[in-house]
Structure formats: structure tokens, C-alpha cells
C-alpha atoms as a PDB file:
ATOM      1  CA  MET A   1     -31.412   8.985  70.433  1.00  0.00           C
ATOM      2  CA  ASN A   2     -33.629   7.383  67.867  1.00  0.00           C
ATOM      3  CA  LYS A   3     -32.702  10.540  65.797  1.00  0.00           C
ATOM      4  CA  ARG A   4     -28.745   9.984  66.165  1.00  0.00           C
ATOM      5  CA  ILE A   5     -29.465   6.293  64.913  1.00  0.00           C
ATOM      6  CA  ILE A   6     -31.842   7.397  61.926  1.00  0.00           C
ATOM      7  CA  ALA A   7     -29.244   9.848  61.313  1.00  0.00           C
ATOM      8  CA  VAL A   8     -26.403   7.585  61.160  1.00  0.00           C
ATOM      9  CA  ILE A   9     -28.519   5.453  58.180  1.00  0.00           C
ATOM     10  CA  CYS A  10     -29.876   8.136  56.413  1.00  0.00           C
ATOM     11  CA  VAL A  11     -26.112   9.172  55.488  1.00  0.00           C
ATOM     12  CA  MET A  12     -25.710   5.606  54.284  1.00  0.00           C
ATOM     13  CA  LEU A  13     -28.666   5.659  52.228  1.00  0.00           C
ATOM     14  CA  VAL A  14     -30.354   8.911  51.630  1.00  0.00           C
ATOM     15  CA  LEU A  15     -28.016   9.480  48.452  1.00  0.00           C
ATOM     16  CA  THR A  16     -29.194   6.170  47.080  1.00  0.00           C
ATOM     17  CA  PHE A  17     -32.834   5.747  48.013  1.00  0.00           C
ATOM     18  CA  VAL A  18     -34.205   9.251  47.277  1.00  0.00           C
ATOM     19  CA  PHE A  19     -37.638   8.292  48.081  1.00  0.00           C
ATOM     20  CA  VAL A  20     -36.768   7.233  51.590  1.00  0.00           C
ATOM     21  CA  GLY A  21     -38.469   9.889  53.919  1.00  0.00           C
ATOM     22  CA  CYS A  22     -35.431  10.392  56.556  1.00  0.00           C
ATOM     23  CA  THR A  23     -35.035  13.388  58.763  1.00  0.00           C
ATOM     24  CA  LYS A  24     -32.353  15.709  57.239  1.00  0.00           C
ATOM     25  CA  THR A  25     -31.843  16.582  61.058  1.00  0.00           C
ATOM     26  CA  THR A  26     -28.113  15.496  62.664  1.00  0.00           C
ATOM     27  CA  TYR A  27     -27.800  15.754  66.140  1.00  0.00           C
ATOM     28  CA  TYR A  28     -24.462  16.255  67.961  1.00  0.00           C
ATOM     29  CA  THR A  29     -24.021  15.339  71.854  1.00  0.00           C
ATOM     30  CA  ASP A  30     -21.450  17.229  73.539  1.00  0.00           C
ATOM     31  CA  LYS A  31     -19.133  16.206  76.466  1.00  0.00           C
ATOM     32  CA  ALA A  32     -22.002  17.358  79.258  1.00  0.00           C
ATOM     33  CA  GLY A  33     -24.716  14.997  77.217  1.00  0.00           C
ATOM     34  CA  ASN A  34     -26.272  18.116  75.943  1.00  0.00           C
ATOM     35  CA  LYS A  35     -27.928  17.586  72.131  1.00  0.00           C
ATOM     36  CA  HIS A  36     -27.579  20.189  69.664  1.00  0.00           C
ATOM     37  CA  ILE A  37     -28.666  20.559  66.186  1.00  0.00           C
ATOM     38  CA  ALA A  38     -25.371  19.661  64.352  1.00  0.00           C
ATOM     39  CA  TYR A  39     -24.187  21.859  61.106  1.00  0.00           C
ATOM     40  CA  THR A  40     -23.805  19.554  57.788  1.00  0.00           C
ATOM     41  CA  ASP A  41     -22.785  19.892  54.462  1.00  0.00           C
ATOM     42  CA  GLU A  42     -24.360  18.835  51.120  1.00  0.00           C
ATOM     43  CA  ASN A  43     -23.755  15.405  51.735  1.00  0.00           C
ATOM     44  CA  GLY A  44     -25.266  15.420  55.149  1.00  0.00           C
ATOM     45  CA  GLU A  45     -21.726  15.157  56.857  1.00  0.00           C
ATOM     46  CA  THR A  46     -21.020  17.081  60.170  1.00  0.00           C
ATOM     47  CA  VAL A  47     -19.096  19.943  59.413  1.00  0.00           C
ATOM     48  CA  THR A  48     -15.801  20.788  61.862  1.00  0.00           C
ATOM     49  CA  ASP A  49     -13.496  23.799  61.887  1.00  0.00           C
ATOM     50  CA  LYS A  50      -9.845  23.552  61.512  1.00  0.00           C
ATOM     51  CA  SER A  51      -9.223  22.006  65.215  1.00  0.00           C
ATOM     52  CA  GLY A  52     -11.658  19.505  64.630  1.00  0.00           C
ATOM     53  CA  ALA A  53     -14.542  21.072  66.710  1.00  0.00           C
ATOM     54  CA  VAL A  54     -17.900  20.265  65.527  1.00  0.00           C
ATOM     55  CA  LEU A  55     -19.988  23.381  64.221  1.00  0.00           C
ATOM     56  CA  ILE A  56     -23.658  23.350  65.488  1.00  0.00           C
ATOM     57  CA  VAL A  57     -26.723  25.611  64.833  1.00  0.00           C
ATOM     58  CA  PRO A  58     -28.074  27.232  68.221  1.00  0.00           C
ATOM     59  CA  THR A  59     -31.779  27.570  68.493  1.00  0.00           C
ATOM     60  CA  ASP A  60     -34.375  29.815  70.054  1.00  0.00           C
ATOM     61  CA  ASN A  61     -36.663  29.181  72.941  1.00  0.00           C
ATOM     62  CA  SER A  62     -39.073  27.413  70.931  1.00  0.00           C
ATOM     63  CA  GLY A  63     -36.261  24.952  69.201  1.00  0.00           C
ATOM     64  CA  GLU A  64     -36.484  26.606  65.794  1.00  0.00           C
ATOM     65  CA  GLN A  65     -32.813  27.057  64.306  1.00  0.00           C
ATOM     66  CA  LEU A  66     -31.251  30.583  64.372  1.00  0.00           C
ATOM     67  CA  THR A  67     -30.438  31.897  61.213  1.00  0.00           C
ATOM     68  CA  ASP A  68     -29.022  35.427  60.204  1.00  0.00           C
ATOM     69  CA  LYS A  69     -30.485  38.302  57.916  1.00  0.00           C
ATOM     70  CA  PHE A  70     -30.247  36.284  54.627  1.00  0.00           C
ATOM     71  CA  GLY A  71     -32.007  33.404  56.270  1.00  0.00           C
ATOM     72  CA  GLN A  72     -28.651  31.097  56.831  1.00  0.00           C
ATOM     73  CA  PRO A  73     -28.148  29.145  59.880  1.00  0.00           C
ATOM     74  CA  VAL A  74     -26.268  30.741  62.556  1.00  0.00           C
ATOM     75  CA  THR A  75     -23.218  28.471  63.707  1.00  0.00           C
ATOM     76  CA  GLN A  76     -21.032  28.072  66.710  1.00  0.00           C
ATOM     77  CA  VAL A  77     -18.302  25.546  67.958  1.00  0.00           C
ATOM     78  CA  ALA A  78     -19.231  22.947  70.134  1.00  0.00           C
ATOM     79  CA  GLU A  79     -16.707  21.457  72.235  1.00  0.00           C
ATOM     80  CA  THR A  80     -16.100  17.945  70.678  1.00  0.00           C
ATOM     81  CA  THR A  81     -14.866  14.633  72.469  1.00  0.00           C
ATOM     82  CA  LYS A  82     -11.355  13.681  71.192  1.00  0.00           C
ATOM     83  CA  ILE A  83     -10.409  10.294  69.799  1.00  0.00           C
ATOM     84  CA  ASN A  84      -6.772   9.703  70.104  1.00  0.00           C
ATOM     85  CA  THR A  85      -5.533   8.414  66.527  1.00  0.00           C
ATOM     86  CA  SER A  86      -1.964   7.016  66.052  1.00  0.00           C
ATOM     87  CA  SER A  87       0.449   9.119  63.677  1.00  0.00           C
ATOM     88  CA  ASP A  88       0.337   6.369  61.093  1.00  0.00           C
ATOM     89  CA  GLY A  89      -3.702   6.277  61.373  1.00  0.00           C
ATOM     90  CA  LYS A  90      -3.398   2.379  62.355  1.00  0.00           C
ATOM     91  CA  SER A  91      -4.955   2.751  65.779  1.00  0.00           C
ATOM     92  CA  VAL A  92      -7.444   4.442  67.874  1.00  0.00           C
ATOM     93  CA  GLU A  93      -8.478   4.917  71.577  1.00  0.00           C
ATOM     94  CA  THR A  94     -11.592   6.351  72.752  1.00  0.00           C
ATOM     95  CA  VAL A  95     -13.158   6.556  76.503  1.00  0.00           C
ATOM     96  CA  ALA A  96     -14.908   3.075  75.138  1.00  0.00           C
ATOM     97  CA  TYR A  97     -12.522   1.216  73.381  1.00  0.00           C
ATOM     98  CA  THR A  98      -9.260   0.900  71.898  1.00  0.00           C
ATOM     99  CA  MET A  99      -8.692  -0.678  68.322  1.00  0.00           C
ATOM    100  CA  ASP A 100      -5.737  -1.557  65.963  1.00  0.00           C
ATOM    101  CA  ILE A 101      -7.143  -1.300  62.436  1.00  0.00           C
ATOM    102  CA  PRO A 102      -7.463  -4.436  60.723  1.00  0.00           C
ATOM    103  CA  SER A 103      -5.771  -5.404  57.636  1.00  0.00           C
ATOM    104  CA  GLY A 104      -8.017  -4.167  54.569  1.00  0.00           C
ATOM    105  CA  TRP A 105      -9.447  -1.272  56.244  1.00  0.00           C
ATOM    106  CA  THR A 106      -8.805   2.583  56.185  1.00  0.00           C
ATOM    107  CA  LEU A 107      -9.494   4.714  59.013  1.00  0.00           C
ATOM    108  CA  TYR A 108     -11.626   7.511  57.293  1.00  0.00           C
ATOM    109  CA  SER A 109     -12.797   9.599  60.167  1.00  0.00           C
ATOM    110  CA  ASP A 110     -11.994  10.070  63.694  1.00  0.00           C
ATOM    111  CA  ILE A 111     -14.045  13.228  64.917  1.00  0.00           C
ATOM    112  CA  ASP A 112     -17.065  13.304  67.254  1.00  0.00           C
ATOM    113  CA  ASP A 113     -15.646  10.466  69.559  1.00  0.00           C
ATOM    114  CA  TYR A 114     -16.244   7.570  67.025  1.00  0.00           C
ATOM    115  CA  ALA A 115     -14.415   5.802  64.191  1.00  0.00           C
ATOM    116  CA  GLN A 116     -15.414   5.238  60.547  1.00  0.00           C
ATOM    117  CA  LEU A 117     -13.555   2.635  58.837  1.00  0.00           C
ATOM    118  CA  ARG A 118     -13.725   2.080  54.877  1.00  0.00           C
ATOM    119  CA  TYR A 119     -13.152  -1.265  53.284  1.00  0.00           C
ATOM    120  CA  GLY A 120      -9.955  -0.860  51.203  1.00  0.00           C
ATOM    121  CA  ASP A 121      -9.170   2.726  50.664  1.00  0.00           C
ATOM    122  CA  GLU A 122     -10.978   5.957  51.829  1.00  0.00           C
ATOM    123  CA  LYS A 123     -13.223   6.090  48.367  1.00  0.00           C
ATOM    124  CA  SER A 124     -14.807   2.916  49.265  1.00  0.00           C
ATOM    125  CA  ARG A 125     -18.694   3.313  49.645  1.00  0.00           C
ATOM    126  CA  ASN A 126     -18.532   0.102  51.911  1.00  0.00           C
ATOM    127  CA  MET A 127     -17.925   1.337  55.602  1.00  0.00           C
ATOM    128  CA  ILE A 128     -18.453   0.494  59.300  1.00  0.00           C
ATOM    129  CA  ASP A 129     -19.191   3.312  61.940  1.00  0.00           C
ATOM    130  CA  ILE A 130     -18.100   2.156  65.326  1.00  0.00           C
ATOM    131  CA  LYS A 131     -20.793   4.068  67.321  1.00  0.00           C
ATOM    132  CA  TYR A 132     -21.537   3.576  71.031  1.00  0.00           C
ATOM    133  CA  TYR A 133     -24.299   4.937  73.576  1.00  0.00           C
ATOM    134  CA  THR A 134     -24.781   5.188  77.306  1.00  0.00           C
ATOM    135  CA  GLN A 135     -28.687   3.872  76.904  1.00  0.00           C
ATOM    136  CA  SER A 136     -29.341   0.223  77.984  1.00  0.00           C
ATOM    137  CA  TYR A 137     -28.870  -2.764  75.043  1.00  0.00           C
ATOM    138  CA  ASP A 138     -33.057  -2.952  75.124  1.00  0.00           C
ATOM    139  CA  GLU A 139     -33.428   0.907  74.722  1.00  0.00           C
ATOM    140  CA  VAL A 140     -30.980   0.756  71.629  1.00  0.00           C
ATOM    141  CA  LEU A 141     -32.532  -2.435  70.301  1.00  0.00           C
ATOM    142  CA  ALA A 142     -35.964  -0.859  70.252  1.00  0.00           C
ATOM    143  CA  GLU A 143     -34.673   2.231  68.468  1.00  0.00           C
ATOM    144  CA  VAL A 144     -32.809   0.229  65.814  1.00  0.00           C
ATOM    145  CA  GLU A 145     -36.042  -1.978  65.143  1.00  0.00           C
ATOM    146  CA  LYS A 146     -38.158   0.672  64.885  1.00  0.00           C
ATOM    147  CA  THR A 147     -35.893   2.529  62.220  1.00  0.00           C
ATOM    148  CA  GLN A 148     -35.658  -0.348  60.502  1.00  0.00           C
ATOM    149  CA  LYS A 149     -39.204  -0.502  60.053  1.00  0.00           C
ATOM    150  CA  ASP A 150     -39.744   2.888  59.198  1.00  0.00           C
ATOM    151  CA  PHE A 151     -36.995   2.334  56.068  1.00  0.00           C
ATOM    152  CA  SER A 152     -38.964  -1.079  55.130  1.00  0.00           C
ATOM    153  CA  ASP A 153     -42.348   0.944  54.931  1.00  0.00           C
ATOM    154  CA  GLY A 154     -40.973   4.086  53.327  1.00  0.00           C
ATOM    155  CA  ILE A 155     -39.532   1.880  50.442  1.00  0.00           C
ATOM    156  CA  ALA A 156     -43.022  -0.230  50.205  1.00  0.00           C
ATOM    157  CA  GLU A 157     -44.992   3.067  50.020  1.00  0.00           C
ATOM    158  CA  GLN A 158     -42.395   4.316  47.327  1.00  0.00           C
ATOM    159  CA  LYS A 159     -42.849   0.905  45.325  1.00  0.00           C
ATOM    160  CA  GLY A 160     -39.297   0.242  45.863  1.00  0.00           C
ATOM    161  CA  LYS A 161     -38.668  -3.980  46.483  1.00  0.00           C
ATOM    162  CA  VAL A 162     -37.085  -5.028  49.860  1.00  0.00           C
ATOM    163  CA  LEU A 163     -34.657  -7.882  49.123  1.00  0.00           C
ATOM    164  CA  ILE A 164     -33.585  -8.594  52.230  1.00  0.00           C
ATOM    165  CA  ASP A 165     -34.848  -7.672  55.806  1.00  0.00           C
ATOM    166  CA  THR A 166     -33.752  -9.677  58.569  1.00  0.00           C
ATOM    167  CA  LYS A 167     -33.075  -9.596  62.220  1.00  0.00           C
ATOM    168  CA  GLU A 168     -31.177 -12.814  64.096  1.00  0.00           C
ATOM    169  CA  LYS A 169     -29.405 -13.406  67.451  1.00  0.00           C
ATOM    170  CA  THR A 170     -25.430 -13.977  67.032  1.00  0.00           C
ATOM    171  CA  THR A 171     -22.107 -13.776  68.857  1.00  0.00           C
ATOM    172  CA  LEU A 172     -19.231 -12.066  68.468  1.00  0.00           C
ATOM    173  CA  LYS A 173     -15.315 -12.375  69.787  1.00  0.00           C
ATOM    174  CA  ASN A 174     -15.923 -16.384  69.445  1.00  0.00           C
ATOM    175  CA  GLY A 175     -18.920 -16.132  72.091  1.00  0.00           C
ATOM    176  CA  GLU A 176     -17.534 -13.692  74.769  1.00  0.00           C
ATOM    177  CA  ILE A 177     -19.798 -11.193  73.572  1.00  0.00           C
ATOM    178  CA  THR A 178     -23.622 -12.167  73.716  1.00  0.00           C
ATOM    179  CA  PRO A 179     -26.436 -11.364  73.066  1.00  0.00           C
ATOM    180  CA  VAL A 180     -25.708  -9.587  69.782  1.00  0.00           C
ATOM    181  CA  THR A 181     -28.690  -8.737  67.394  1.00  0.00           C
ATOM    182  CA  LYS A 182     -27.595  -8.850  63.805  1.00  0.00           C
ATOM    183  CA  PHE A 183     -30.169  -6.602  61.210  1.00  0.00           C
ATOM    184  CA  VAL A 184     -29.649  -7.103  57.455  1.00  0.00           C
ATOM    185  CA  PHE A 185     -31.166  -4.764  55.381  1.00  0.00           C
ATOM    186  CA  LEU A 186     -31.202  -4.433  51.530  1.00  0.00           C
ATOM    187  CA  ALA A 187     -33.328  -3.074  48.742  1.00  0.00           C
ATOM    188  CA  SER A 188     -33.543  -1.785  45.248  1.00  0.00           C
ATOM    189  CA  THR A 189     -35.533   1.032  43.568  1.00  0.00           C
ATOM    190  CA  SER A 190     -35.018   3.024  40.171  1.00  0.00           C
ATOM    191  CA  LYS A 191     -32.931   5.994  39.618  1.00  0.00           C
ATOM    192  CA  ASP A 192     -32.562   8.049  36.923  1.00  0.00           C
ATOM    193  CA  GLY A 193     -33.674   5.019  34.443  1.00  0.00           C
ATOM    194  CA  LYS A 194     -31.158   2.672  36.446  1.00  0.00           C
ATOM    195  CA  ASP A 195     -31.716   0.085  39.372  1.00  0.00           C
ATOM    196  CA  VAL A 196     -30.181   0.841  42.351  1.00  0.00           C
ATOM    197  CA  THR A 197     -29.481  -1.516  45.241  1.00  0.00           C
ATOM    198  CA  ALA A 198     -28.297  -0.455  48.548  1.00  0.00           C
ATOM    199  CA  GLY A 199     -28.726  -1.316  52.249  1.00  0.00           C
ATOM    200  CA  TYR A 200     -26.625  -2.229  55.848  1.00  0.00           C
ATOM    201  CA  VAL A 201     -25.589  -4.700  58.206  1.00  0.00           C
ATOM    202  CA  PHE A 202     -26.556  -3.517  61.727  1.00  0.00           C
ATOM    203  CA  TYR A 203     -24.874  -5.001  64.813  1.00  0.00           C
ATOM    204  CA  VAL A 204     -26.322  -4.148  68.481  1.00  0.00           C
ATOM    205  CA  PHE A 205     -24.732  -5.644  71.649  1.00  0.00           C
ATOM    206  CA  GLU A 206     -23.158  -4.518  75.282  1.00  0.00           C
ATOM    207  CA  ALA A 207     -19.349  -4.480  75.828  1.00  0.00           C
ATOM    208  CA  GLY A 208     -17.497  -2.715  78.614  1.00  0.00           C
ATOM    209  CA  ASN A 209     -19.618  -0.008  80.024  1.00  0.00           C
ATOM    210  CA  PHE A 210     -21.521   0.793  76.968  1.00  0.00           C
ATOM    211  CA  THR A 211     -23.828  -0.558  74.082  1.00  0.00           C
ATOM    212  CA  TYR A 212     -22.882  -0.494  70.854  1.00  0.00           C
ATOM    213  CA  ALA A 213     -25.028   0.170  67.367  1.00  0.00           C
ATOM    214  CA  ILE A 214     -22.848  -0.106  64.467  1.00  0.00           C
ATOM    215  CA  PRO A 215     -23.997   0.157  61.109  1.00  0.00           C
ATOM    216  CA  CYS A 216     -22.301  -1.055  57.566  1.00  0.00           C
ATOM    217  CA  THR A 217     -23.005  -0.341  54.523  1.00  0.00           C
ATOM    218  CA  VAL A 218     -23.739  -2.472  51.675  1.00  0.00           C
ATOM    219  CA  PHE A 219     -24.371  -2.195  48.052  1.00  0.00           C
ATOM    220  CA  SER A 220     -25.406  -6.169  47.121  1.00  0.00           C
ATOM    221  CA  GLU A 221     -26.142  -9.547  48.647  1.00  0.00           C
ATOM    222  CA  ASP A 222     -22.310 -10.671  47.564  1.00  0.00           C
ATOM    223  CA  GLU A 223     -21.263  -7.661  49.780  1.00  0.00           C
ATOM    224  CA  ILE A 224     -23.072  -8.867  52.823  1.00  0.00           C
ATOM    225  CA  LYS A 225     -21.670 -12.521  52.393  1.00  0.00           C
ATOM    226  CA  SER A 226     -18.248 -11.218  51.643  1.00  0.00           C
ATOM    227  CA  ILE A 227     -17.174  -8.504  53.471  1.00  0.00           C
ATOM    228  CA  ASP A 228     -16.179  -9.290  56.979  1.00  0.00           C
ATOM    229  CA  PHE A 229     -17.526  -6.828  59.028  1.00  0.00           C
ATOM    230  CA  GLU A 230     -16.837  -8.723  62.325  1.00  0.00           C
ATOM    231  CA  ALA A 231     -13.456  -8.857  61.564  1.00  0.00           C
ATOM    232  CA  VAL A 232     -13.461  -5.021  62.541  1.00  0.00           C
ATOM    233  CA  ILE A 233     -15.503  -5.651  65.658  1.00  0.00           C
ATOM    234  CA  ASN A 234     -13.876  -8.750  66.898  1.00  0.00           C
ATOM    235  CA  ALA A 235     -10.511  -6.472  66.718  1.00  0.00           C
ATOM    236  CA  ILE A 236     -12.055  -3.969  69.040  1.00  0.00           C
ATOM    237  CA  ASN A 237     -10.976  -4.022  72.693  1.00  0.00           C
ATOM    238  CA  PHE A 238     -13.518  -2.756  75.187  1.00  0.00           C
ATOM    239  CA  LYS A 239     -12.845  -1.021  78.219  1.00  0.00           C
END
């Protein structure tokens, strides 16, 4: 599960912070709870076939990825848990929640049983992933804390600058959801002679029968203050 959370943050930051030492492996968990290595594109996004089924890379008995005679990964289709999306793209439903997409947000992805919303339109870099897990709040929180520390340490090692690195307790849905642990992380570095800043806001909490670890991408301190990510979370109807 740690690798799943790390993969989420890596997708957000690895293209910006080339110095962060993230694993390039992304994992997919099927309906039966079996974990597979997901086949990803050059941007680290999970690849699906035309029907929306996730492509996975089978492994041998030692856990090594299987390749063909040309050294390319062999892939096969994994059954994906469907997420139900309205025809107008304005609402979604999963086994864990239903949600009407808040004004100002666009549903960008609805595969692998989670929804990704982008602020404004589908080209926006500011996004929020509605991710949920069967592990306990304490287990998920510990993994996110470790991931946050790993990023902070990695940036320091590469002589980048951590601008914000905080963790606080808060509430959501007017206090109905508590405790909520909110992480805020922002860092800067130089890439190709230009200053680059990126980070995330991360919410961890329990609601219904699941634990949620919801990352939100940001690229400045102003975006941390001005984009209302909590409006998205407050719009979720947890089952």
C-alpha cells in the first residue's frame, strides 16, 4: 500500500522535480485484492484498453517483469472495478461514495475505481484524486508520513529547497469528519536554468467503511491558499 501512495505523489511531482528518487513502478489492485504491476505510459499514467480495462505486466516466480524476445514488457488485461459516471460527466458513483462534481471542477479520469478532478478544465495541472483504501486510518497515515519525509529528505539531498512541510489536525464537512490529518508540502529547485516550484496538499481521514488518502497538486503558495480543495471533499457523499 505504501507503493500505491508513493505512486500517486510521484505522478504529481516526478516530471517537475527530476531530482526526487521515486520508484517508477505503479501498482494496480484488482477486485480480488491481488496486486499487479500496472503498465504505464511515458508520463507514468496507467494504460487501459478501449473498454477501460487496466493493462498489467505479469511477473515470474521471482517477481521480475516478463518481457518478450525484444525485451519489451509483456502485458495482459486485468479486470477493473468500474466507476459509474453520469452521461454528462457531472456525477460519479463507486462502492465507497457518490459525488456531484462541484462547480469550477472538471472530471478528468474515472478508471480504476477512483475519480480525478481538475481545477478549471482538463488541461489544468491542479488536480485532486479521490483515493480510498481498506487499511486503517493509522496504517494509511503512517505511510503518508513516511512518504512526506522521504520527499523532504530527497529534496534536501539534491540541494533543493523545502518551502513548506507541515502536518495538522483538522475537520471536514463542518466537523462531521474527524480526525483529519492535513499535510502541506511545497518545494523548489532549478531545472534547465529555471526555478521550479511544486507540491501537494494531502488529506487522510476515515469515512464510511474506508480510509481516504486524497492528494491535491499545487505549484505555488498562492494556490495552496486560493484553491478550495476541501469543497470537493465536502461534496462527497460517503457510503
